Each structure stands twice: as structure tokens, then as C-alpha cells.
C-alpha atoms as a PDB file:
ATOM      1  CA  MET A   1     -13.108 -14.915  -2.575  1.00  0.00           C
ATOM      2  CA  SER A   2     -16.289 -13.654  -1.338  1.00  0.00           C
ATOM      3  CA  VAL A   3     -16.371 -12.065   2.559  1.00  0.00           C
ATOM      4  CA  VAL A   4     -18.777 -14.223   4.831  1.00  0.00           C
ATOM      5  CA  ALA A   5     -18.488 -14.456   8.474  1.00  0.00           C
ATOM      6  CA  ASP A   6     -16.007 -16.166  10.611  1.00  0.00           C
ATOM      7  CA  SER A   7     -13.752 -16.268   6.916  1.00  0.00           C
ATOM      8  CA  PRO A   8      -9.619 -16.047   6.424  1.00  0.00           C
ATOM      9  CA  LEU A   9     -10.816 -12.740   5.223  1.00  0.00           C
ATOM     10  CA  SER A  10     -13.392 -11.080   8.170  1.00  0.00           C
ATOM     11  CA  GLY A  11     -10.945 -10.270  10.215  1.00  0.00           C
ATOM     12  CA  LEU A  12      -9.506  -7.589   8.236  1.00  0.00           C
ATOM     13  CA  SER A  13     -12.460  -6.744   6.263  1.00  0.00           C
ATOM     14  CA  GLY A  14     -14.560  -5.549   9.241  1.00  0.00           C
ATOM     15  CA  LEU A  15     -11.254  -3.637  10.331  1.00  0.00           C
ATOM     16  CA  LEU A  16     -11.164  -2.080   6.938  1.00  0.00           C
ATOM     17  CA  ALA A  17     -15.270  -1.359   7.784  1.00  0.00           C
ATOM     18  CA  ARG A  18     -14.621   0.426  10.735  1.00  0.00           C
ATOM     19  CA  ALA A  19     -11.632   1.977   9.373  1.00  0.00           C
ATOM     20  CA  ALA A  20     -13.730   3.171   6.541  1.00  0.00           C
ATOM     21  CA  GLU A  21     -16.514   4.096   8.909  1.00  0.00           C
ATOM     22  CA  ASP A  22     -14.513   6.692  11.193  1.00  0.00           C
ATOM     23  CA  ARG A  23     -13.095   8.480   7.570  1.00  0.00           C
ATOM     24  CA  GLY A  24     -16.790   8.888   6.620  1.00  0.00           C
ATOM     25  CA  GLY A  25     -16.373   6.560   3.944  1.00  0.00           C
ATOM     26  CA  THR A  26     -13.400   8.730   2.309  1.00  0.00           C
ATOM     27  CA  PHE A  27     -11.292   5.630   1.975  1.00  0.00           C
ATOM     28  CA  GLY A  28      -8.341   3.940   0.522  1.00  0.00           C
ATOM     29  CA  VAL A  29      -9.633   0.572   0.223  1.00  0.00           C
ATOM     30  CA  HIS A  30     -12.957  -1.347  -0.666  1.00  0.00           C
ATOM     31  CA  PRO A  31     -13.457  -2.380   2.860  1.00  0.00           C
ATOM     32  CA  GLY A  32     -13.978  -6.394   1.614  1.00  0.00           C
ATOM     33  CA  LEU A  33     -10.898  -5.968  -1.106  1.00  0.00           C
ATOM     34  CA  VAL A  34     -12.544  -8.183  -4.050  1.00  0.00           C
ATOM     35  CA  VAL A  35     -14.986  -5.830  -6.138  1.00  0.00           C
ATOM     36  CA  GLU A  36     -17.917  -8.338  -8.365  1.00  0.00           C
ATOM     37  CA  SER A  37     -18.295  -5.739 -11.276  1.00  0.00           C
ATOM     38  CA  CYS A  38     -15.132  -3.938 -12.784  1.00  0.00           C
ATOM     39  CA  ALA A  39     -17.738  -1.275 -13.873  1.00  0.00           C
ATOM     40  CA  ASP A  40     -15.966   2.029 -12.906  1.00  0.00           C
ATOM     41  CA  TRP A  41     -12.649   0.460 -11.492  1.00  0.00           C
ATOM     42  CA  SER A  42      -9.758   0.616 -13.884  1.00  0.00           C
ATOM     43  CA  ARG A  43      -7.170  -2.710 -14.621  1.00  0.00           C
ATOM     44  CA  THR A  44      -3.539  -1.714 -12.772  1.00  0.00           C
ATOM     45  CA  ALA A  45      -1.828  -3.818 -16.206  1.00  0.00           C
ATOM     46  CA  ASP A  46      -3.109  -1.355 -17.765  1.00  0.00           C
ATOM     47  CA  LEU A  47      -0.465   1.288 -17.018  1.00  0.00           C
ATOM     48  CA  VAL A  48       2.624  -0.471 -17.244  1.00  0.00           C
ATOM     49  CA  ARG A  49       1.638  -1.312 -20.818  1.00  0.00           C
ATOM     50  CA  GLU A  50       4.562   1.175 -23.120  1.00  0.00           C
ATOM     51  CA  PRO A  51       4.456   3.716 -24.261  1.00  0.00           C
ATOM     52  CA  TYR A  52       2.185   4.341 -20.744  1.00  0.00           C
ATOM     53  CA  ASP A  53      -0.087   6.545 -22.059  1.00  0.00           C
ATOM     54  CA  GLU A  54      -2.419   5.814 -18.776  1.00  0.00           C
ATOM     55  CA  LEU A  55      -0.318   6.267 -17.107  1.00  0.00           C
ATOM     56  CA  ARG A  56       1.125   9.602 -17.622  1.00  0.00           C
ATOM     57  CA  GLY A  57      -2.109  10.821 -18.292  1.00  0.00           C
ATOM     58  CA  LEU A  58      -2.848  10.008 -14.060  1.00  0.00           C
ATOM     59  CA  ILE A  59       0.341  11.972 -13.496  1.00  0.00           C
ATOM     60  CA  GLU A  60      -0.309  15.351 -15.655  1.00  0.00           C
ATOM     61  CA  ALA A  61      -3.561  15.440 -13.874  1.00  0.00           C
ATOM     62  CA  HIS A  62      -2.200  14.543 -10.279  1.00  0.00           C
ATOM     63  CA  ALA A  63       0.621  17.640 -11.046  1.00  0.00           C
ATOM     64  CA  ARG A  64      -2.471  19.743 -12.013  1.00  0.00           C
ATOM     65  CA  ARG A  65      -3.530  18.951  -9.099  1.00  0.00           C
ATOM     66  CA  ASN A  66      -1.333  20.140  -7.046  1.00  0.00           C
ATOM     67  CA  GLN A  67      -0.060  23.215  -8.368  1.00  0.00           C
ATOM     68  CA  ASP A  68       1.665  22.236 -11.375  1.00  0.00           C
ATOM     69  CA  ALA A  69       4.040  20.034  -9.629  1.00  0.00           C
ATOM     70  CA  SER A  70       6.814  18.961 -12.441  1.00  0.00           C
ATOM     71  CA  LEU A  71       6.512  15.339 -13.613  1.00  0.00           C
ATOM     72  CA  HIS A  72       8.523  13.818 -11.080  1.00  0.00           C
ATOM     73  CA  VAL A  73       6.874  15.641  -8.334  1.00  0.00           C
ATOM     74  CA  ALA A  74       3.527  14.848  -9.347  1.00  0.00           C
ATOM     75  CA  ALA A  75       4.361  11.698 -10.217  1.00  0.00           C
ATOM     76  CA  ALA A  76       6.120  10.387  -6.586  1.00  0.00           C
ATOM     77  CA  LEU A  77       2.623  12.188  -4.811  1.00  0.00           C
ATOM     78  CA  LEU A  78       0.479   9.680  -7.036  1.00  0.00           C
ATOM     79  CA  TRP A  79       2.506   6.896  -5.894  1.00  0.00           C
ATOM     80  CA  LYS A  80       2.807   7.662  -2.123  1.00  0.00           C
ATOM     81  CA  GLY A  81      -1.277   7.430  -2.645  1.00  0.00           C
ATOM     82  CA  PHE A  82      -1.523   4.567  -4.904  1.00  0.00           C
ATOM     83  CA  GLY A  83       1.133   2.164  -3.094  1.00  0.00           C
ATOM     84  CA  TYR A  84      -0.047   2.863   0.624  1.00  0.00           C
ATOM     85  CA  TRP A  85      -3.617   2.030   0.090  1.00  0.00           C
ATOM     86  CA  GLN A  86      -2.311  -1.090  -1.880  1.00  0.00           C
ATOM     87  CA  THR A  87       0.356  -1.956   1.103  1.00  0.00           C
ATOM     88  CA  LEU A  88      -2.031  -0.896   3.976  1.00  0.00           C
ATOM     89  CA  PRO A  89      -4.781  -4.484   3.440  1.00  0.00           C
ATOM     90  CA  MET A  90      -1.448  -6.638   3.683  1.00  0.00           C
ATOM     91  CA  THR A  91       0.414  -4.574   6.666  1.00  0.00           C
ATOM     92  CA  LEU A  92      -3.083  -4.951   8.954  1.00  0.00           C
ATOM     93  CA  GLY A  93      -4.208  -8.827   8.103  1.00  0.00           C
ATOM     94  CA  TRP A  94      -0.611  -8.847   9.179  1.00  0.00           C
ATOM     95  CA  ALA A  95      -0.940  -7.416  11.997  1.00  0.00           C
ATOM     96  CA  LEU A  96      -4.193  -8.104  13.101  1.00  0.00           C
ATOM     97  CA  ASN A  97      -3.761 -11.967  12.744  1.00  0.00           C
ATOM     98  CA  ARG A  98      -0.996 -13.403  10.439  1.00  0.00           C
ATOM     99  CA  ARG A  99      -2.882 -13.512   7.556  1.00  0.00           C
ATOM    100  CA  VAL A 100      -2.210 -11.555   4.101  1.00  0.00           C
ATOM    101  CA  PRO A 101      -4.061 -11.009   1.412  1.00  0.00           C
ATOM    102  CA  LEU A 102      -2.614 -11.546  -2.021  1.00  0.00           C
ATOM    103  CA  THR A 103      -3.605 -10.208  -5.239  1.00  0.00           C
ATOM    104  CA  ARG A 104      -2.361 -11.253  -8.848  1.00  0.00           C
ATOM    105  CA  PHE A 105      -1.140  -8.191 -10.099  1.00  0.00           C
ATOM    106  CA  GLU A 106      -3.432  -8.906 -13.100  1.00  0.00           C
ATOM    107  CA  ASP A 107      -6.372  -8.807 -10.412  1.00  0.00           C
ATOM    108  CA  MET A 108      -5.701  -5.644  -9.109  1.00  0.00           C
ATOM    109  CA  LEU A 109      -8.110  -2.718  -9.579  1.00  0.00           C
ATOM    110  CA  TYR A 110      -8.168   0.740  -8.863  1.00  0.00           C
ATOM    111  CA  ARG A 111      -9.742   4.288 -10.155  1.00  0.00           C
ATOM    112  CA  ILE A 112      -9.102   8.119  -9.042  1.00  0.00           C
ATOM    113  CA  ALA A 113     -11.796  10.124  -8.328  1.00  0.00           C
ATOM    114  CA  ASP A 114     -11.693  14.042  -9.162  1.00  0.00           C
ATOM    115  CA  ASP A 115     -10.068  15.130  -6.791  1.00  0.00           C
ATOM    116  CA  GLY A 116      -6.860  12.771  -6.588  1.00  0.00           C
ATOM    117  CA  ARG A 117      -7.867  10.196  -4.276  1.00  0.00           C
ATOM    118  CA  VAL A 118      -7.259   6.507  -5.117  1.00  0.00           C
ATOM    119  CA  THR A 119      -9.079   3.417  -4.235  1.00  0.00           C
ATOM    120  CA  ILE A 120      -7.910  -0.088  -4.813  1.00  0.00           C
ATOM    121  CA  ALA A 121      -9.658  -3.002  -5.145  1.00  0.00           C
ATOM    122  CA  SER A 122      -8.984  -6.299  -7.213  1.00  0.00           C
ATOM    123  CA  THR A 123     -11.395  -9.118  -8.584  1.00  0.00           C
ATOM    124  CA  ALA A 124      -9.727 -11.613  -6.407  1.00  0.00           C
ATOM    125  CA  VAL A 125      -8.016 -12.320  -3.530  1.00  0.00           C
ATOM    126  CA  THR A 126      -6.394 -14.964  -1.868  1.00  0.00           C
ATOM    127  CA  MET A 127      -5.347 -15.209   2.069  1.00  0.00           C
ATOM    128  CA  ALA A 128      -1.643 -16.271   2.980  1.00  0.00           C
ATOM    129  CA  VAL A 129      -2.107 -18.223   6.403  1.00  0.00           C
ATOM    130  CA  LEU A 130       0.658 -20.222   8.621  1.00  0.00           C
ATOM    131  CA  PRO A 131       0.363 -23.475   9.087  1.00  0.00           C
ATOM    132  CA  ASP A 132      -0.629 -23.417  12.450  1.00  0.00           C
ATOM    133  CA  ASP A 133      -3.363 -20.780  11.742  1.00  0.00           C
ATOM    134  CA  ALA A 134      -7.122 -22.366  11.973  1.00  0.00           C
ATOM    135  CA  PHE A 135      -7.971 -21.711   8.392  1.00  0.00           C
ATOM    136  CA  ALA A 136      -4.952 -23.494   6.652  1.00  0.00           C
ATOM    137  CA  GLY A 137      -5.920 -25.525   4.274  1.00  0.00           C
ATOM    138  CA  ALA A 138      -9.905 -23.457   3.444  1.00  0.00           C
ATOM    139  CA  PRO A 139     -11.247 -22.352   0.277  1.00  0.00           C
ATOM    140  CA  GLY A 140      -9.704 -19.304  -0.832  1.00  0.00           C
ATOM    141  CA  THR A 141      -5.726 -20.057   1.348  1.00  0.00           C
ATOM    142  CA  ILE A 142      -2.618 -20.101   0.291  1.00  0.00           C
ATOM    143  CA  VAL A 143      -0.325 -21.806   2.745  1.00  0.00           C
ATOM    144  CA  VAL A 144       3.309 -20.943   3.879  1.00  0.00           C
ATOM    145  CA  SER A 145       6.057 -21.222   6.291  1.00  0.00           C
ATOM    146  CA  ASP A 146       7.431 -18.091   5.705  1.00  0.00           C
ATOM    147  CA  LEU A 147       5.484 -14.588   5.345  1.00  0.00           C
ATOM    148  CA  GLY A 148       8.002 -12.164   5.548  1.00  0.00           C
ATOM    149  CA  GLU A 149       8.666 -13.907   2.058  1.00  0.00           C
ATOM    150  CA  THR A 150       5.523 -14.150   0.944  1.00  0.00           C
ATOM    151  CA  LEU A 151       4.861 -10.237   2.057  1.00  0.00           C
ATOM    152  CA  ARG A 152       8.266  -9.372  -0.295  1.00  0.00           C
ATOM    153  CA  GLN A 153       7.445 -11.264  -2.815  1.00  0.00           C
ATOM    154  CA  SER A 154       3.634  -9.794  -3.508  1.00  0.00           C
ATOM    155  CA  LEU A 155       4.518  -6.288  -3.172  1.00  0.00           C
ATOM    156  CA  ARG A 156       7.549  -7.397  -5.623  1.00  0.00           C
ATOM    157  CA  ALA A 157       4.923  -8.761  -7.826  1.00  0.00           C
ATOM    158  CA  VAL A 158       2.038  -6.352  -7.524  1.00  0.00           C
ATOM    159  CA  GLN A 159       4.292  -3.312  -7.577  1.00  0.00           C
ATOM    160  CA  ALA A 160       7.507  -3.087  -9.100  1.00  0.00           C
ATOM    161  CA  PRO A 161       5.715  -3.307 -12.936  1.00  0.00           C
ATOM    162  CA  VAL A 162       4.277   0.361 -11.704  1.00  0.00           C
ATOM    163  CA  ILE A 163       7.029   1.248 -10.106  1.00  0.00           C
ATOM    164  CA  LYS A 164       9.598   0.879 -13.012  1.00  0.00           C
ATOM    165  CA  ALA A 165       6.825   2.241 -15.247  1.00  0.00           C
ATOM    166  CA  ILE A 166       6.524   5.465 -13.115  1.00  0.00           C
ATOM    167  CA  ASN A 167      10.144   5.663 -13.765  1.00  0.00           C
ATOM    168  CA  ALA A 168      10.162   5.117 -17.541  1.00  0.00           C
ATOM    169  CA  VAL A 169       7.372   8.049 -17.551  1.00  0.00           C
ATOM    170  CA  SER A 170       8.716  10.669 -14.960  1.00  0.00           C
ATOM    171  CA  ARG A 171      12.862   9.654 -13.568  1.00  0.00           C
ATOM    172  CA  VAL A 172      11.352  10.050 -10.330  1.00  0.00           C
ATOM    173  CA  GLY A 173      14.384   7.473  -8.553  1.00  0.00           C
ATOM    174  CA  GLU A 174      12.657   3.426  -7.997  1.00  0.00           C
ATOM    175  CA  ARG A 175      14.731   4.370  -3.895  1.00  0.00           C
ATOM    176  CA  THR A 176      12.268   7.120  -3.950  1.00  0.00           C
ATOM    177  CA  LEU A 177       9.024   5.034  -5.032  1.00  0.00           C
ATOM    178  CA  TRP A 178      10.278   2.122  -2.444  1.00  0.00           C
ATOM    179  CA  GLY A 179      10.149   4.398   0.052  1.00  0.00           C
ATOM    180  CA  SER A 180       6.785   5.460   0.191  1.00  0.00           C
ATOM    181  CA  THR A 181       6.244   1.265   0.396  1.00  0.00           C
ATOM    182  CA  ALA A 182       8.500   1.686   2.917  1.00  0.00           C
ATOM    183  CA  GLU A 183       6.703   3.629   5.133  1.00  0.00           C
ATOM    184  CA  ALA A 184       3.214   1.951   4.010  1.00  0.00           C
ATOM    185  CA  LEU A 185       4.626  -0.395   5.889  1.00  0.00           C
ATOM    186  CA  VAL A 186       5.099   1.587   9.402  1.00  0.00           C
ATOM    187  CA  GLN A 187       2.434   4.035   9.248  1.00  0.00           C
ATOM    188  CA  PRO A 188      -0.773   1.939   9.649  1.00  0.00           C
ATOM    189  CA  LEU A 189       0.798  -0.270  12.683  1.00  0.00           C
ATOM    190  CA  ARG A 190       0.621   2.716  14.107  1.00  0.00           C
ATOM    191  CA  ALA A 191      -2.653   4.206  12.751  1.00  0.00           C
ATOM    192  CA  TYR A 192      -4.366   1.933  13.489  1.00  0.00           C
ATOM    193  CA  ALA A 193      -2.252   0.800  17.420  1.00  0.00           C
ATOM    194  CA  ALA A 194      -5.893   0.350  18.907  1.00  0.00           C
ATOM    195  CA  GLU A 195      -7.311  -1.928  16.621  1.00  0.00           C
ATOM    196  CA  LEU A 196      -4.791  -4.102  16.358  1.00  0.00           C
ATOM    197  CA  PRO A 197      -3.130  -7.494  19.455  1.00  0.00           C
ATOM    198  CA  GLY A 198       0.393  -6.282  18.565  1.00  0.00           C
ATOM    199  CA  ASP A 199       2.961  -3.001  20.096  1.00  0.00           C
ATOM    200  CA  PRO A 200       3.771  -1.398  17.290  1.00  0.00           C
ATOM    201  CA  VAL A 201       7.386  -0.114  18.864  1.00  0.00           C
ATOM    202  CA  VAL A 202       8.112  -4.072  18.528  1.00  0.00           C
ATOM    203  CA  ASP A 203       6.234  -4.661  15.446  1.00  0.00           C
ATOM    204  CA  VAL A 204       7.149  -1.804  12.784  1.00  0.00           C
ATOM    205  CA  PRO A 205      11.128  -3.350  13.656  1.00  0.00           C
ATOM    206  CA  THR A 206       9.858  -7.264  12.950  1.00  0.00           C
ATOM    207  CA  LEU A 207       7.576  -5.779  10.038  1.00  0.00           C
ATOM    208  CA  LEU A 208      10.744  -3.905   7.920  1.00  0.00           C
ATOM    209  CA  GLY A 209      13.014  -7.059   8.830  1.00  0.00           C
ATOM    210  CA  LEU A 210      11.268  -9.163   7.587  1.00  0.00           C
ATOM    211  CA  VAL A 211      10.243  -7.927   4.234  1.00  0.00           C
ATOM    212  CA  ASP A 212      13.814  -7.086   3.557  1.00  0.00           C
ATOM    213  CA  LYS A 213      14.207  -5.990   0.101  1.00  0.00           C
ATOM    214  CA  PRO A 214      13.550  -3.546  -1.460  1.00  0.00           C
ATOM    215  CA  VAL A 215      12.369  -2.200   1.598  1.00  0.00           C
ATOM    216  CA  ARG A 216      15.952  -2.457   3.281  1.00  0.00           C
ATOM    217  CA  ASN A 217      17.084   1.397   5.004  1.00  0.00           C
ATOM    218  CA  LEU A 218      14.369   3.100   3.392  1.00  0.00           C
ATOM    219  CA  ILE A 219      12.511   4.023   7.247  1.00  0.00           C
ATOM    220  CA  GLN A 220      14.866   5.115  10.396  1.00  0.00           C
ATOM    221  CA  ILE A 221      13.175   4.087  13.881  1.00  0.00           C
ATOM    222  CA  ILE A 222      13.784   7.190  16.072  1.00  0.00           C
ATOM    223  CA  ASP A 223      12.613   7.972  19.756  1.00  0.00           C
ATOM    224  CA  SER A 224      13.340   4.685  21.363  1.00  0.00           C
ATOM    225  CA  GLY A 225      10.784   3.063  18.884  1.00  0.00           C
ATOM    226  CA  THR A 226       8.072   5.411  19.273  1.00  0.00           C
ATOM    227  CA  GLY A 227       8.758   7.291  15.823  1.00  0.00           C
ATOM    228  CA  TYR A 228      10.277   7.546  12.464  1.00  0.00           C
ATOM    229  CA  ARG A 229      11.597   9.599  10.186  1.00  0.00           C
ATOM    230  CA  ARG A 230      12.289   8.289   6.286  1.00  0.00           C
ATOM    231  CA  ARG A 231      14.885   8.174   4.413  1.00  0.00           C
ATOM    232  CA  THR A 232      13.770   9.103   1.372  1.00  0.00           C
ATOM    233  CA  CYS A 233      11.003  12.482   0.398  1.00  0.00           C
ATOM    234  CA  CYS A 234       7.561  11.443  -1.051  1.00  0.00           C
ATOM    235  CA  MET A 235       8.406  14.869  -2.779  1.00  0.00           C
ATOM    236  CA  TRP A 236       5.152  16.624  -0.977  1.00  0.00           C
ATOM    237  CA  VAL A 237       8.106  19.530  -0.278  1.00  0.00           C
ATOM    238  CA  LYS A 238       8.751  20.682  -3.679  1.00  0.00           C
ATOM    239  CA  VAL A 239       4.954  21.082  -4.554  1.00  0.00           C
ATOM    240  CA  PRO A 240       4.912  24.726  -4.192  1.00  0.00           C
ATOM    241  CA  GLY A 241       3.661  26.523  -0.342  1.00  0.00           C
ATOM    242  CA  ALA A 242       4.232  23.122   0.754  1.00  0.00           C
ATOM    243  CA  GLU A 243       5.845  22.200   4.065  1.00  0.00           C
ATOM    244  CA  ALA A 244       7.927  18.603   4.498  1.00  0.00           C
ATOM    245  CA  CYS A 245       6.105  15.926   6.541  1.00  0.00           C
ATOM    246  CA  ALA A 246       6.763  15.069  10.117  1.00  0.00           C
ATOM    247  CA  THR A 247       8.378  12.030   8.575  1.00  0.00           C
ATOM    248  CA  CYS A 248      10.145  13.485   6.514  1.00  0.00           C
ATOM    249  CA  CYS A 249      14.426  12.934   5.709  1.00  0.00           C
ATOM    250  CA  LEU A 250      14.175  17.044   5.388  1.00  0.00           C
ATOM    251  CA  ALA A 251      12.488  17.201   8.545  1.00  0.00           C
ATOM    252  CA  ARG A 252      15.304  17.641  11.377  1.00  0.00           C
END
């Protein structure tokens, strides 16, 4: 669906555009989510085709960018960025106006800059909305009664195939990779709190509870709800010379 003023996607695309501008244009999601041309983009579905040559090449390149890190460390770090930007629009859409952008796995696109930065886009998006939404039934929407279930199914559909492929190539644990998805559900609610109507102290546990599996118990809420810590390590600490992230399970 194209983004027009006063469309189901306009609020989210506006937020993404402002976020990209604040970062000087360096942002991991195409602000409109949908691109008209696939030129200069790669299809995410190609990453899961055995014998995983394309995926292995990306992981090996990421290892070289990160002090020749081991394959499983590079794979975990690659997914941390990839999974974050895949999840971000769903997280922000839910928090902003309870509208969740859904993309079929075969419609997902990505590109990776020379410095390793990932950008996500797609060829088509459908907005999941609740029955009482003003756009319920509008073109480009699907009406659902349970956004949590919808989010859970979407995350599994678009991320589980890549997570399984990364595990097959690098042997990094699937729980570790889902831990990065769990953080991608939490961190944007805090990072963009000024742009969102809710309170992250309330919204963080609410969203994690709605999504439930596969992110159940992968985030520990601390400091009376004002902070969080991962229960899995993203592997950044394993890069030579790196220190643990502030939210790492190793940071105490």
C-alpha cells in the first residue's frame, strides 16, 4: 500500500520519517515501509535457501567488520541489527495507534551498507487494525480482534525462518537470537517515548505479555519498571576489545 495523508500507515510513516531525520538519514527502516522498485534491494527469502550461501557470505563479512569475530558471534550481531529493524515498525505501530504493519515473508527486502548497517523495506504492507479503528475495513487493512496474537504470528512468520537458517549456518542458539527480538520490542518504547501516547513502564510488560512466545521470559524488568535487562547475550561482549552492553545479562 502506498502512503497517503490520513491513511492507516500515515501516522507510523510520519514517526519513522522524523526518526530518520533526527538520525541524519541513517535509519534502518525505509520510512514508508514499501518501496516501488526492488533495485538495490535483496530479498530476505533468499537468505533461507539452502545451502545458505548468501546468508553465510553476510555473516562472514560481518565477522570481518567486527575484529574477525567468530562465526557465531558475527551471526548474533548481524541478527541483532536485522531483527531490530524488522521488529521496530511493528512495535511503534502498536504503541502509536494500535495499528500493526504486516509483511509477508516473501515480500520482505533488505540491504546492507559497506559498514554493516541494515535497512529493511518491503514490496507490500497490510495494516492490522482493531474492529473499532476508524480505518477498519479500509483498503490495505485487515481487521483483527487480538493484536498480540497477530504480532506473535507475524514475528514467527518473518523471523523464524531466518533465525533457523542462522542457527544452521553458525550454531548460535535460537534462544539467543529471539532475545534480540525481545529487546527490539522493548527498546523502541523507551527510545521513542516522547513520540508515543503511552507510558513505557506500562507498555513494555504489556507488549511482552501480548506477544508471549517466542519472547517469553527473555527480558527482565528492573528498577520498578523503568529499566530492563536481557536474559540472553547479543554477543557484542565477545568482540575483541568490546564491553558488555548496558542491558546485557552479563552486566551486573
